[in-house]
Amino acid sequence: VIAVEDADILATMTMPYTKPQERRFASIHSNPPGIPTEIPALLAKKRG
């Protein structure tokens, strides 16, 4: 996770429903996406 300004955010992070240490699950075979965030996952930024 980074803090950045004045960047073109191309993708944000979506978290799964559960964290690894939790004793619950959302799907038997996978860890599907469930919690959207505004954290940058892919971006482009002009420099010079």
All heavy atoms as atom14 arrays in JSON, in Angstrom:
{
  "sequence": "VIAVEDADILATMTMPYTKPQERRFASIHSNPPGIPTEIPALLAKKRG",
  "atom14_mask": [
    [1, 1, 1, 1, 1, 1, 1, 0, 0, 0, 0, 0, 0, 0],
    [1, 1, 1, 1, 1, 1, 1, 1, 0, 0, 0, 0, 0, 0],
    [1, 1, 1, 1, 1, 0, 0, 0, 0, 0, 0, 0, 0, 0],
    [1, 1, 1, 1, 1, 1, 1, 0, 0, 0, 0, 0, 0, 0],
    [1, 1, 1, 1, 1, 1, 1, 1, 1, 0, 0, 0, 0, 0],
    [1, 1, 1, 1, 1, 1, 1, 1, 0, 0, 0, 0, 0, 0],
    [1, 1, 1, 1, 1, 0, 0, 0, 0, 0, 0, 0, 0, 0],
    [1, 1, 1, 1, 1, 1, 1, 1, 0, 0, 0, 0, 0, 0],
    [1, 1, 1, 1, 1, 1, 1, 1, 0, 0, 0, 0, 0, 0],
    [1, 1, 1, 1, 1, 1, 1, 1, 0, 0, 0, 0, 0, 0],
    [1, 1, 1, 1, 1, 0, 0, 0, 0, 0, 0, 0, 0, 0],
    [1, 1, 1, 1, 1, 1, 1, 0, 0, 0, 0, 0, 0, 0],
    [1, 1, 1, 1, 1, 1, 1, 1, 0, 0, 0, 0, 0, 0],
    [1, 1, 1, 1, 1, 1, 1, 0, 0, 0, 0, 0, 0, 0],
    [1, 1, 1, 1, 1, 1, 1, 1, 0, 0, 0, 0, 0, 0],
    [1, 1, 1, 1, 1, 1, 1, 0, 0, 0, 0, 0, 0, 0],
    [1, 1, 1, 1, 1, 1, 1, 1, 1, 1, 1, 1, 0, 0],
    [1, 1, 1, 1, 1, 1, 1, 0, 0, 0, 0, 0, 0, 0],
    [1, 1, 1, 1, 1, 1, 1, 1, 1, 0, 0, 0, 0, 0],
    [1, 1, 1, 1, 1, 1, 1, 0, 0, 0, 0, 0, 0, 0],
    [1, 1, 1, 1, 1, 1, 1, 1, 1, 0, 0, 0, 0, 0],
    [1, 1, 1, 1, 1, 1, 1, 1, 1, 0, 0, 0, 0, 0],
    [1, 1, 1, 1, 1, 1, 1, 1, 1, 1, 1, 0, 0, 0],
    [1, 1, 1, 1, 1, 1, 1, 1, 1, 1, 1, 0, 0, 0],
    [1, 1, 1, 1, 1, 1, 1, 1, 1, 1, 1, 0, 0, 0],
    [1, 1, 1, 1, 1, 0, 0, 0, 0, 0, 0, 0, 0, 0],
    [1, 1, 1, 1, 1, 1, 0, 0, 0, 0, 0, 0, 0, 0],
    [1, 1, 1, 1, 1, 1, 1, 1, 0, 0, 0, 0, 0, 0],
    [1, 1, 1, 1, 1, 1, 1, 1, 1, 1, 0, 0, 0, 0],
    [1, 1, 1, 1, 1, 1, 0, 0, 0, 0, 0, 0, 0, 0],
    [1, 1, 1, 1, 1, 1, 1, 1, 0, 0, 0, 0, 0, 0],
    [1, 1, 1, 1, 1, 1, 1, 0, 0, 0, 0, 0, 0, 0],
    [1, 1, 1, 1, 1, 1, 1, 0, 0, 0, 0, 0, 0, 0],
    [1, 1, 1, 1, 0, 0, 0, 0, 0, 0, 0, 0, 0, 0],
    [1, 1, 1, 1, 1, 1, 1, 1, 0, 0, 0, 0, 0, 0],
    [1, 1, 1, 1, 1, 1, 1, 0, 0, 0, 0, 0, 0, 0],
    [1, 1, 1, 1, 1, 1, 1, 0, 0, 0, 0, 0, 0, 0],
    [1, 1, 1, 1, 1, 1, 1, 1, 1, 0, 0, 0, 0, 0],
    [1, 1, 1, 1, 1, 1, 1, 1, 0, 0, 0, 0, 0, 0],
    [1, 1, 1, 1, 1, 1, 1, 0, 0, 0, 0, 0, 0, 0],
    [1, 1, 1, 1, 1, 0, 0, 0, 0, 0, 0, 0, 0, 0],
    [1, 1, 1, 1, 1, 1, 1, 1, 0, 0, 0, 0, 0, 0],
    [1, 1, 1, 1, 1, 1, 1, 1, 0, 0, 0, 0, 0, 0],
    [1, 1, 1, 1, 1, 0, 0, 0, 0, 0, 0, 0, 0, 0],
    [1, 1, 1, 1, 1, 1, 1, 1, 1, 0, 0, 0, 0, 0],
    [1, 1, 1, 1, 1, 1, 1, 1, 1, 0, 0, 0, 0, 0],
    [1, 1, 1, 1, 1, 1, 1, 1, 1, 1, 1, 0, 0, 0],
    [1, 1, 1, 1, 0, 0, 0, 0, 0, 0, 0, 0, 0, 0]
  ],
  "atom14_positions": [
    [[0.86, -1.18, 0.0], [0.0, 0.0, 0.0], [0.9, 1.23, 0.0], [1.82, 1.33, 0.82], [-0.91, 0.01, 1.24], [-1.75, 1.29, 1.28], [-1.8, -1.23, 1.24], [0.0, 0.0, 0.0], [0.0, 0.0, 0.0], [0.0, 0.0, 0.0], [0.0, 0.0, 0.0], [0.0, 0.0, 0.0], [0.0, 0.0, 0.0], [0.0, 0.0, 0.0]],
    [[0.65, 2.16, -0.92], [1.46, 3.37, -0.99], [0.55, 4.6, -0.93], [-0.64, 4.53, -1.25], [2.34, 3.42, -2.26], [1.48, 3.58, -3.53], [3.22, 2.19, -2.34], [2.3, 3.85, -4.79], [0.0, 0.0, 0.0], [0.0, 0.0, 0.0], [0.0, 0.0, 0.0], [0.0, 0.0, 0.0], [0.0, 0.0, 0.0], [0.0, 0.0, 0.0]],
    [[1.13, 5.71, -0.51], [0.45, 7.01, -0.54], [1.05, 7.81, -1.69], [2.27, 8.03, -1.73], [0.66, 7.74, 0.78], [0.0, 0.0, 0.0], [0.0, 0.0, 0.0], [0.0, 0.0, 0.0], [0.0, 0.0, 0.0], [0.0, 0.0, 0.0], [0.0, 0.0, 0.0], [0.0, 0.0, 0.0], [0.0, 0.0, 0.0], [0.0, 0.0, 0.0]],
    [[0.2, 8.23, -2.64], [0.69, 8.93, -3.82], [-0.35, 9.96, -4.25], [-1.56, 9.76, -4.04], [0.97, 7.92, -4.98], [-0.3, 7.21, -5.41], [1.66, 8.59, -6.15], [0.0, 0.0, 0.0], [0.0, 0.0, 0.0], [0.0, 0.0, 0.0], [0.0, 0.0, 0.0], [0.0, 0.0, 0.0], [0.0, 0.0, 0.0], [0.0, 0.0, 0.0]],
    [[0.11, 11.06, -4.83], [-0.78, 12.11, -5.3], [-0.54, 12.38, -6.78], [0.52, 12.05, -7.32], [-0.57, 13.4, -4.49], [-0.92, 13.27, -3.02], [-0.68, 14.57, -2.26], [-0.09, 15.49, -2.85], [-1.07, 14.64, -1.08], [0.0, 0.0, 0.0], [0.0, 0.0, 0.0], [0.0, 0.0, 0.0], [0.0, 0.0, 0.0], [0.0, 0.0, 0.0]],
    [[-1.54, 13.0, -7.42], [-1.42, 13.45, -8.81], [-1.07, 12.32, -9.77], [-0.27, 12.49, -10.69], [-0.38, 14.56, -8.94], [-0.71, 15.75, -8.06], [-1.91, 16.09, -7.94], [0.23, 16.35, -7.48], [0.0, 0.0, 0.0], [0.0, 0.0, 0.0], [0.0, 0.0, 0.0], [0.0, 0.0, 0.0], [0.0, 0.0, 0.0], [0.0, 0.0, 0.0]],
    [[-1.64, 11.16, -9.54], [-1.41, 10.0, -10.42], [-2.72, 9.59, -11.06], [-3.81, 9.81, -10.51], [-0.81, 8.84, -9.64], [0.0, 0.0, 0.0], [0.0, 0.0, 0.0], [0.0, 0.0, 0.0], [0.0, 0.0, 0.0], [0.0, 0.0, 0.0], [0.0, 0.0, 0.0], [0.0, 0.0, 0.0], [0.0, 0.0, 0.0], [0.0, 0.0, 0.0]],
    [[-2.61, 9.0, -12.24], [-3.78, 8.43, -12.91], [-3.96, 7.0, -12.4], [-3.17, 6.11, -12.74], [-3.55, 8.45, -14.43], [-4.75, 7.91, -15.21], [-5.82, 7.73, -14.6], [-4.59, 7.65, -16.42], [0.0, 0.0, 0.0], [0.0, 0.0, 0.0], [0.0, 0.0, 0.0], [0.0, 0.0, 0.0], [0.0, 0.0, 0.0], [0.0, 0.0, 0.0]],
    [[-4.94, 6.79, -11.56], [-5.15, 5.48, -10.95], [-5.86, 4.59, -11.97], [-7.01, 4.84, -12.35], [-5.98, 5.57, -9.66], [-5.36, 6.59, -8.71], [-6.08, 4.19, -9.0], [-3.93, 6.29, -8.31], [0.0, 0.0, 0.0], [0.0, 0.0, 0.0], [0.0, 0.0, 0.0], [0.0, 0.0, 0.0], [0.0, 0.0, 0.0], [0.0, 0.0, 0.0]],
    [[-5.17, 3.53, -12.4], [-5.7, 2.63, -13.43], [-6.45, 1.46, -12.82], [-7.29, 0.84, -13.49], [-4.56, 2.13, -14.31], [-3.7, 3.21, -14.97], [-2.53, 2.59, -15.72], [-4.55, 4.06, -15.91], [0.0, 0.0, 0.0], [0.0, 0.0, 0.0], [0.0, 0.0, 0.0], [0.0, 0.0, 0.0], [0.0, 0.0, 0.0], [0.0, 0.0, 0.0]],
    [[-6.14, 1.13, -11.58], [-6.84, 0.04, -10.88], [-6.68, 0.24, -9.39], [-5.66, 0.76, -8.92], [-6.31, -1.33, -11.29], [0.0, 0.0, 0.0], [0.0, 0.0, 0.0], [0.0, 0.0, 0.0], [0.0, 0.0, 0.0], [0.0, 0.0, 0.0], [0.0, 0.0, 0.0], [0.0, 0.0, 0.0], [0.0, 0.0, 0.0], [0.0, 0.0, 0.0]],
    [[-7.7, -0.17, -8.64], [-7.65, -0.12, -7.19], [-7.73, -1.54, -6.64], [-8.08, -2.48, -7.35], [-8.8, 0.72, -6.63], [-10.04, 0.2, -7.14], [-8.65, 2.18, -7.02], [0.0, 0.0, 0.0], [0.0, 0.0, 0.0], [0.0, 0.0, 0.0], [0.0, 0.0, 0.0], [0.0, 0.0, 0.0], [0.0, 0.0, 0.0], [0.0, 0.0, 0.0]],
    [[-7.41, -1.67, -5.35], [-7.41, -3.0, -4.73], [-8.82, -3.35, -4.25], [-9.49, -2.54, -3.62], [-6.45, -3.03, -3.55], [-5.0, -2.85, -3.92], [-3.9, -3.07, -2.5], [-2.37, -2.41, -3.17], [0.0, 0.0, 0.0], [0.0, 0.0, 0.0], [0.0, 0.0, 0.0], [0.0, 0.0, 0.0], [0.0, 0.0, 0.0], [0.0, 0.0, 0.0]],
    [[-9.21, -4.56, -4.57], [-10.42, -5.15, -4.0], [-9.99, -6.33, -3.13], [-9.28, -7.22, -3.61], [-11.39, -5.63, -5.08], [-11.89, -4.49, -5.8], [-12.56, -6.39, -4.48], [0.0, 0.0, 0.0], [0.0, 0.0, 0.0], [0.0, 0.0, 0.0], [0.0, 0.0, 0.0], [0.0, 0.0, 0.0], [0.0, 0.0, 0.0], [0.0, 0.0, 0.0]],
    [[-10.4, -6.3, -1.87], [-10.0, -7.34, -0.93], [-10.99, -8.5, -0.95], [-12.17, -8.32, -1.27], [-9.91, -6.77, 0.49], [-9.02, -5.55, 0.63], [-7.33, -5.87, 0.08], [-6.6, -4.24, 0.28], [0.0, 0.0, 0.0], [0.0, 0.0, 0.0], [0.0, 0.0, 0.0], [0.0, 0.0, 0.0], [0.0, 0.0, 0.0], [0.0, 0.0, 0.0]],
    [[-10.53, -9.7, -0.63], [-11.46, -10.82, -0.48], [-12.32, -10.63, 0.77], [-12.04, -9.78, 1.6], [-10.53, -12.02, -0.35], [-9.27, -11.45, 0.2], [-9.13, -10.08, -0.38], [0.0, 0.0, 0.0], [0.0, 0.0, 0.0], [0.0, 0.0, 0.0], [0.0, 0.0, 0.0], [0.0, 0.0, 0.0], [0.0, 0.0, 0.0], [0.0, 0.0, 0.0]],
    [[-13.33, -11.44, 0.9], [-14.24, -11.32, 2.05], [-13.54, -11.61, 3.37], [-13.91, -11.07, 4.4], [-15.42, -12.29, 1.88], [-16.42, -11.87, 0.84], [-16.39, -12.41, -0.44], [-17.41, -10.92, 1.13], [-17.32, -12.04, -1.41], [-18.34, -10.54, 0.17], [-18.29, -11.09, -1.1], [-19.21, -10.71, -2.05], [0.0, 0.0, 0.0], [0.0, 0.0, 0.0]],
    [[-12.53, -12.46, 3.33], [-11.9, -12.87, 4.58], [-10.38, -12.71, 4.5], [-9.8, -12.64, 3.42], [-12.2, -14.34, 4.9], [-11.66, -15.16, 3.86], [-13.69, -14.58, 5.0], [0.0, 0.0, 0.0], [0.0, 0.0, 0.0], [0.0, 0.0, 0.0], [0.0, 0.0, 0.0], [0.0, 0.0, 0.0], [0.0, 0.0, 0.0], [0.0, 0.0, 0.0]],
    [[-9.76, -12.66, 5.68], [-8.31, -12.6, 5.8], [-7.78, -13.99, 6.17], [-8.51, -14.81, 6.73], [-7.91, -11.57, 6.87], [-8.37, -10.16, 6.54], [-8.02, -9.19, 7.66], [-8.52, -7.79, 7.33], [-8.24, -6.82, 8.42], [0.0, 0.0, 0.0], [0.0, 0.0, 0.0], [0.0, 0.0, 0.0], [0.0, 0.0, 0.0], [0.0, 0.0, 0.0]],
    [[-6.51, -14.25, 5.88], [-5.97, -15.61, 6.1], [-6.12, -16.11, 7.53], [-6.35, -17.3, 7.76], [-4.49, -15.46, 5.73], [-4.44, -14.28, 4.83], [-5.51, -13.35, 5.28], [0.0, 0.0, 0.0], [0.0, 0.0, 0.0], [0.0, 0.0, 0.0], [0.0, 0.0, 0.0], [0.0, 0.0, 0.0], [0.0, 0.0, 0.0], [0.0, 0.0, 0.0]],
    [[-6.0, -15.2, 8.53], [-6.04, -15.65, 9.92], [-7.46, -15.87, 10.45], [-7.64, -16.38, 11.55], [-5.31, -14.64, 10.82], [-5.93, -13.25, 10.84], [-5.38, -12.34, 9.76], [-4.94, -12.82, 8.73], [-5.41, -11.03, 10.01], [0.0, 0.0, 0.0], [0.0, 0.0, 0.0], [0.0, 0.0, 0.0], [0.0, 0.0, 0.0], [0.0, 0.0, 0.0]],
    [[-8.46, -15.52, 9.66], [-9.84, -15.67, 10.11], [-10.32, -17.12, 9.95], [-9.96, -17.8, 8.99], [-10.77, -14.74, 9.32], [-10.55, -13.27, 9.63], [-11.52, -12.39, 8.87], [-11.55, -12.47, 7.62], [-12.27, -11.64, 9.51], [0.0, 0.0, 0.0], [0.0, 0.0, 0.0], [0.0, 0.0, 0.0], [0.0, 0.0, 0.0], [0.0, 0.0, 0.0]],
    [[-11.12, -17.58, 10.9], [-11.61, -18.94, 10.87], [-13.02, -18.98, 10.24], [-13.98, -19.47, 10.83], [-11.63, -19.54, 12.28], [-10.24, -19.67, 12.89], [-10.31, -20.24, 14.3], [-10.86, -21.58, 14.3], [-10.16, -22.69, 14.09], [-8.86, -22.61, 13.86], [-10.75, -23.87, 14.15], [0.0, 0.0, 0.0], [0.0, 0.0, 0.0], [0.0, 0.0, 0.0]],
    [[-13.15, -18.37, 9.08], [-14.38, -18.41, 8.33], [-14.02, -18.33, 6.85], [-12.88, -18.01, 6.51], [-15.32, -17.27, 8.73], [-14.75, -15.89, 8.44], [-15.57, -14.78, 9.11], [-15.07, -13.46, 8.75], [-15.6, -12.68, 7.82], [-16.68, -13.09, 7.13], [-15.1, -11.49, 7.55], [0.0, 0.0, 0.0], [0.0, 0.0, 0.0], [0.0, 0.0, 0.0]],
    [[-14.96, -18.62, 6.0], [-14.68, -18.58, 4.58], [-15.91, -18.14, 3.81], [-17.04, -18.23, 4.29], [-14.19, -19.95, 4.08], [-15.18, -21.07, 4.26], [-16.13, -21.35, 3.29], [-15.15, -21.84, 5.42], [-17.04, -22.37, 3.46], [-16.07, -22.88, 5.6], [-17.01, -23.14, 4.62], [0.0, 0.0, 0.0], [0.0, 0.0, 0.0], [0.0, 0.0, 0.0]],
    [[-15.66, -17.65, 2.57], [-16.76, -17.18, 1.73], [-17.04, -18.15, 0.59], [-18.1, -18.1, -0.02], [-16.41, -15.81, 1.15], [0.0, 0.0, 0.0], [0.0, 0.0, 0.0], [0.0, 0.0, 0.0], [0.0, 0.0, 0.0], [0.0, 0.0, 0.0], [0.0, 0.0, 0.0], [0.0, 0.0, 0.0], [0.0, 0.0, 0.0], [0.0, 0.0, 0.0]],
    [[-16.07, -19.01, 0.31], [-16.23, -19.98, -0.78], [-15.34, -21.17, -0.47], [-14.23, -21.01, 0.05], [-15.83, -19.36, -2.12], [-15.83, -20.33, -3.14], [0.0, 0.0, 0.0], [0.0, 0.0, 0.0], [0.0, 0.0, 0.0], [0.0, 0.0, 0.0], [0.0, 0.0, 0.0], [0.0, 0.0, 0.0], [0.0, 0.0, 0.0], [0.0, 0.0, 0.0]],
    [[-15.81, -22.36, -0.79], [-15.04, -23.56, -0.43], [-13.79, -23.72, -1.27], [-12.78, -24.26, -0.84], [-15.94, -24.81, -0.52], [-15.21, -26.03, 0.07], [-16.37, -25.08, -1.97], [-16.11, -27.24, 0.21], [0.0, 0.0, 0.0], [0.0, 0.0, 0.0], [0.0, 0.0, 0.0], [0.0, 0.0, 0.0], [0.0, 0.0, 0.0], [0.0, 0.0, 0.0]],
    [[-13.82, -23.24, -2.52], [-12.72, -23.49, -3.43], [-11.85, -22.27, -3.71], [-10.8, -22.4, -4.33], [-13.24, -24.01, -4.77], [-13.85, -25.37, -4.69], [-13.13, -26.47, -4.25], [-15.1, -25.82, -4.96], [-13.92, -27.54, -4.28], [-15.12, -27.17, -4.7], [0.0, 0.0, 0.0], [0.0, 0.0, 0.0], [0.0, 0.0, 0.0], [0.0, 0.0, 0.0]],
    [[-12.27, -21.07, -3.31], [-11.52, -19.87, -3.68], [-11.71, -18.8, -2.62], [-12.41, -18.98, -1.63], [-11.98, -19.36, -5.05], [-13.35, -18.97, -4.99], [0.0, 0.0, 0.0], [0.0, 0.0, 0.0], [0.0, 0.0, 0.0], [0.0, 0.0, 0.0], [0.0, 0.0, 0.0], [0.0, 0.0, 0.0], [0.0, 0.0, 0.0], [0.0, 0.0, 0.0]],
    [[-11.06, -17.67, -2.86], [-11.19, -16.53, -1.96], [-11.67, -15.35, -2.8], [-10.88, -14.49, -3.2], [-9.84, -16.22, -1.3], [-10.01, -15.51, 0.03], [-11.13, -15.21, 0.45], [-8.9, -15.21, 0.68], [0.0, 0.0, 0.0], [0.0, 0.0, 0.0], [0.0, 0.0, 0.0], [0.0, 0.0, 0.0], [0.0, 0.0, 0.0], [0.0, 0.0, 0.0]],
    [[-12.96, -15.29, -3.1], [-13.47, -14.34, -4.1], [-13.4, -12.89, -3.63], [-13.35, -12.6, -2.43], [-14.92, -14.78, -4.28], [-15.26, -15.46, -3.0], [-14.01, -16.12, -2.54], [0.0, 0.0, 0.0], [0.0, 0.0, 0.0], [0.0, 0.0, 0.0], [0.0, 0.0, 0.0], [0.0, 0.0, 0.0], [0.0, 0.0, 0.0], [0.0, 0.0, 0.0]],
    [[-13.39, -11.94, -4.59], [-13.36, -10.52, -4.24], [-14.66, -10.08, -3.6], [-15.74, -10.51, -4.0], [-13.15, -9.84, -5.61], [-13.73, -10.8, -6.6], [-13.45, -12.16, -6.04], [0.0, 0.0, 0.0], [0.0, 0.0, 0.0], [0.0, 0.0, 0.0], [0.0, 0.0, 0.0], [0.0, 0.0, 0.0], [0.0, 0.0, 0.0], [0.0, 0.0, 0.0]],
    [[-14.54, -9.21, -2.59], [-15.76, -8.8, -1.92], [-15.75, -7.41, -1.36], [-16.81, -6.82, -1.15], [0.0, 0.0, 0.0], [0.0, 0.0, 0.0], [0.0, 0.0, 0.0], [0.0, 0.0, 0.0], [0.0, 0.0, 0.0], [0.0, 0.0, 0.0], [0.0, 0.0, 0.0], [0.0, 0.0, 0.0], [0.0, 0.0, 0.0], [0.0, 0.0, 0.0]],
    [[-14.56, -6.83, -1.07], [-14.5, -5.53, -0.39], [-13.7, -4.55, -1.24], [-12.46, -4.57, -1.25], [-13.85, -5.68, 1.0], [-14.58, -6.77, 1.81], [-13.86, -4.35, 1.73], [-13.91, -7.1, 3.12], [0.0, 0.0, 0.0], [0.0, 0.0, 0.0], [0.0, 0.0, 0.0], [0.0, 0.0, 0.0], [0.0, 0.0, 0.0], [0.0, 0.0, 0.0]],
    [[-14.36, -3.68, -1.97], [-13.63, -2.68, -2.78], [-12.97, -1.63, -1.9], [-13.46, -1.32, -0.8], [-14.73, -2.08, -3.67], [-15.99, -2.31, -2.93], [-15.82, -3.59, -2.15], [0.0, 0.0, 0.0], [0.0, 0.0, 0.0], [0.0, 0.0, 0.0], [0.0, 0.0, 0.0], [0.0, 0.0, 0.0], [0.0, 0.0, 0.0], [0.0, 0.0, 0.0]],
    [[-11.86, -1.09, -2.37], [-11.16, -0.01, -1.66], [-10.73, 1.04, -2.67], [-10.88, 0.86, -3.88], [-9.91, -0.54, -0.93], [-8.87, -0.78, -1.88], [-10.19, -1.81, -0.15], [0.0, 0.0, 0.0], [0.0, 0.0, 0.0], [0.0, 0.0, 0.0], [0.0, 0.0, 0.0], [0.0, 0.0, 0.0], [0.0, 0.0, 0.0], [0.0, 0.0, 0.0]],
    [[-10.15, 2.12, -2.18], [-9.58, 3.17, -3.03], [-8.05, 3.08, -3.08], [-7.39, 3.99, -3.57], [-10.01, 4.55, -2.51], [-11.51, 4.79, -2.54], [-12.06, 4.7, -3.94], [-11.42, 5.24, -4.87], [-13.14, 4.09, -4.12], [0.0, 0.0, 0.0], [0.0, 0.0, 0.0], [0.0, 0.0, 0.0], [0.0, 0.0, 0.0], [0.0, 0.0, 0.0]],
    [[-7.48, 2.0, -2.59], [-6.03, 1.85, -2.54], [-5.5, 1.6, -3.97], [-5.97, 0.68, -4.65], [-5.63, 0.68, -1.63], [-6.16, 0.91, -0.21], [-4.12, 0.51, -1.6], [-6.0, -0.28, 0.71], [0.0, 0.0, 0.0], [0.0, 0.0, 0.0], [0.0, 0.0, 0.0], [0.0, 0.0, 0.0], [0.0, 0.0, 0.0], [0.0, 0.0, 0.0]],
    [[-4.52, 2.37, -4.44], [-4.0, 2.17, -5.8], [-3.33, 0.81, -5.97], [-2.52, 0.39, -5.13], [-2.98, 3.3, -5.96], [-3.34, 4.31, -4.92], [-3.91, 3.52, -3.77], [0.0, 0.0, 0.0], [0.0, 0.0, 0.0], [0.0, 0.0, 0.0], [0.0, 0.0, 0.0], [0.0, 0.0, 0.0], [0.0, 0.0, 0.0], [0.0, 0.0, 0.0]],
    [[-3.69, 0.14, -7.05], [-3.05, -1.14, -7.39], [-2.23, -1.02, -8.66], [-1.24, -1.73, -8.85], [-4.11, -2.23, -7.55], [0.0, 0.0, 0.0], [0.0, 0.0, 0.0], [0.0, 0.0, 0.0], [0.0, 0.0, 0.0], [0.0, 0.0, 0.0], [0.0, 0.0, 0.0], [0.0, 0.0, 0.0], [0.0, 0.0, 0.0], [0.0, 0.0, 0.0]],
    [[-2.65, -0.13, -9.55], [-1.94, 0.13, -10.8], [-2.15, 1.59, -11.14], [-3.29, 2.09, -11.09], [-2.48, -0.77, -11.92], [-1.81, -0.64, -13.29], [-0.38, -1.19, -13.25], [-2.61, -1.4, -14.36], [0.0, 0.0, 0.0], [0.0, 0.0, 0.0], [0.0, 0.0, 0.0], [0.0, 0.0, 0.0], [0.0, 0.0, 0.0], [0.0, 0.0, 0.0]],
    [[-1.05, 2.29, -11.49], [-1.18, 3.72, -11.76], [-0.14, 4.16, -12.76], [0.84, 3.46, -13.04], [-1.07, 4.52, -10.47], [0.24, 4.42, -9.65], [1.33, 5.35, -10.19], [-0.02, 4.72, -8.18], [0.0, 0.0, 0.0], [0.0, 0.0, 0.0], [0.0, 0.0, 0.0], [0.0, 0.0, 0.0], [0.0, 0.0, 0.0], [0.0, 0.0, 0.0]],
    [[-0.37, 5.34, -13.31], [0.59, 6.0, -14.19], [0.75, 7.43, -13.72], [-0.23, 8.07, -13.32], [0.11, 5.96, -15.64], [0.0, 0.0, 0.0], [0.0, 0.0, 0.0], [0.0, 0.0, 0.0], [0.0, 0.0, 0.0], [0.0, 0.0, 0.0], [0.0, 0.0, 0.0], [0.0, 0.0, 0.0], [0.0, 0.0, 0.0], [0.0, 0.0, 0.0]],
    [[1.98, 7.92, -13.77], [2.23, 9.29, -13.31], [3.27, 9.95, -14.21], [4.31, 9.35, -14.51], [2.7, 9.3, -11.86], [2.9, 10.7, -11.3], [3.15, 10.68, -9.8], [3.31, 12.11, -9.27], [3.49, 12.14, -7.81], [0.0, 0.0, 0.0], [0.0, 0.0, 0.0], [0.0, 0.0, 0.0], [0.0, 0.0, 0.0], [0.0, 0.0, 0.0]],
    [[2.97, 11.16, -14.61], [3.9, 11.93, -15.41], [5.04, 12.42, -14.53], [4.83, 12.82, -13.38], [3.2, 13.12, -16.07], [2.11, 12.76, -17.05], [2.67, 12.12, -18.31], [3.47, 13.11, -19.14], [3.96, 12.52, -20.42], [0.0, 0.0, 0.0], [0.0, 0.0, 0.0], [0.0, 0.0, 0.0], [0.0, 0.0, 0.0], [0.0, 0.0, 0.0]],
    [[6.24, 12.37, -15.09], [7.4, 12.96, -14.41], [8.28, 13.56, -15.48], [8.76, 12.84, -16.36], [8.16, 11.93, -13.6], [9.33, 12.57, -12.85], [10.14, 11.58, -12.05], [11.22, 12.28, -11.38], [11.18, 12.78, -10.15], [10.07, 12.64, -9.44], [12.2, 13.43, -9.62], [0.0, 0.0, 0.0], [0.0, 0.0, 0.0], [0.0, 0.0, 0.0]],
    [[8.48, 14.87, -15.42], [9.22, 15.52, -16.48], [8.5, 15.31, -17.8], [7.29, 15.5, -17.91], [0.0, 0.0, 0.0], [0.0, 0.0, 0.0], [0.0, 0.0, 0.0], [0.0, 0.0, 0.0], [0.0, 0.0, 0.0], [0.0, 0.0, 0.0], [0.0, 0.0, 0.0], [0.0, 0.0, 0.0], [0.0, 0.0, 0.0], [0.0, 0.0, 0.0]]
  ]
}
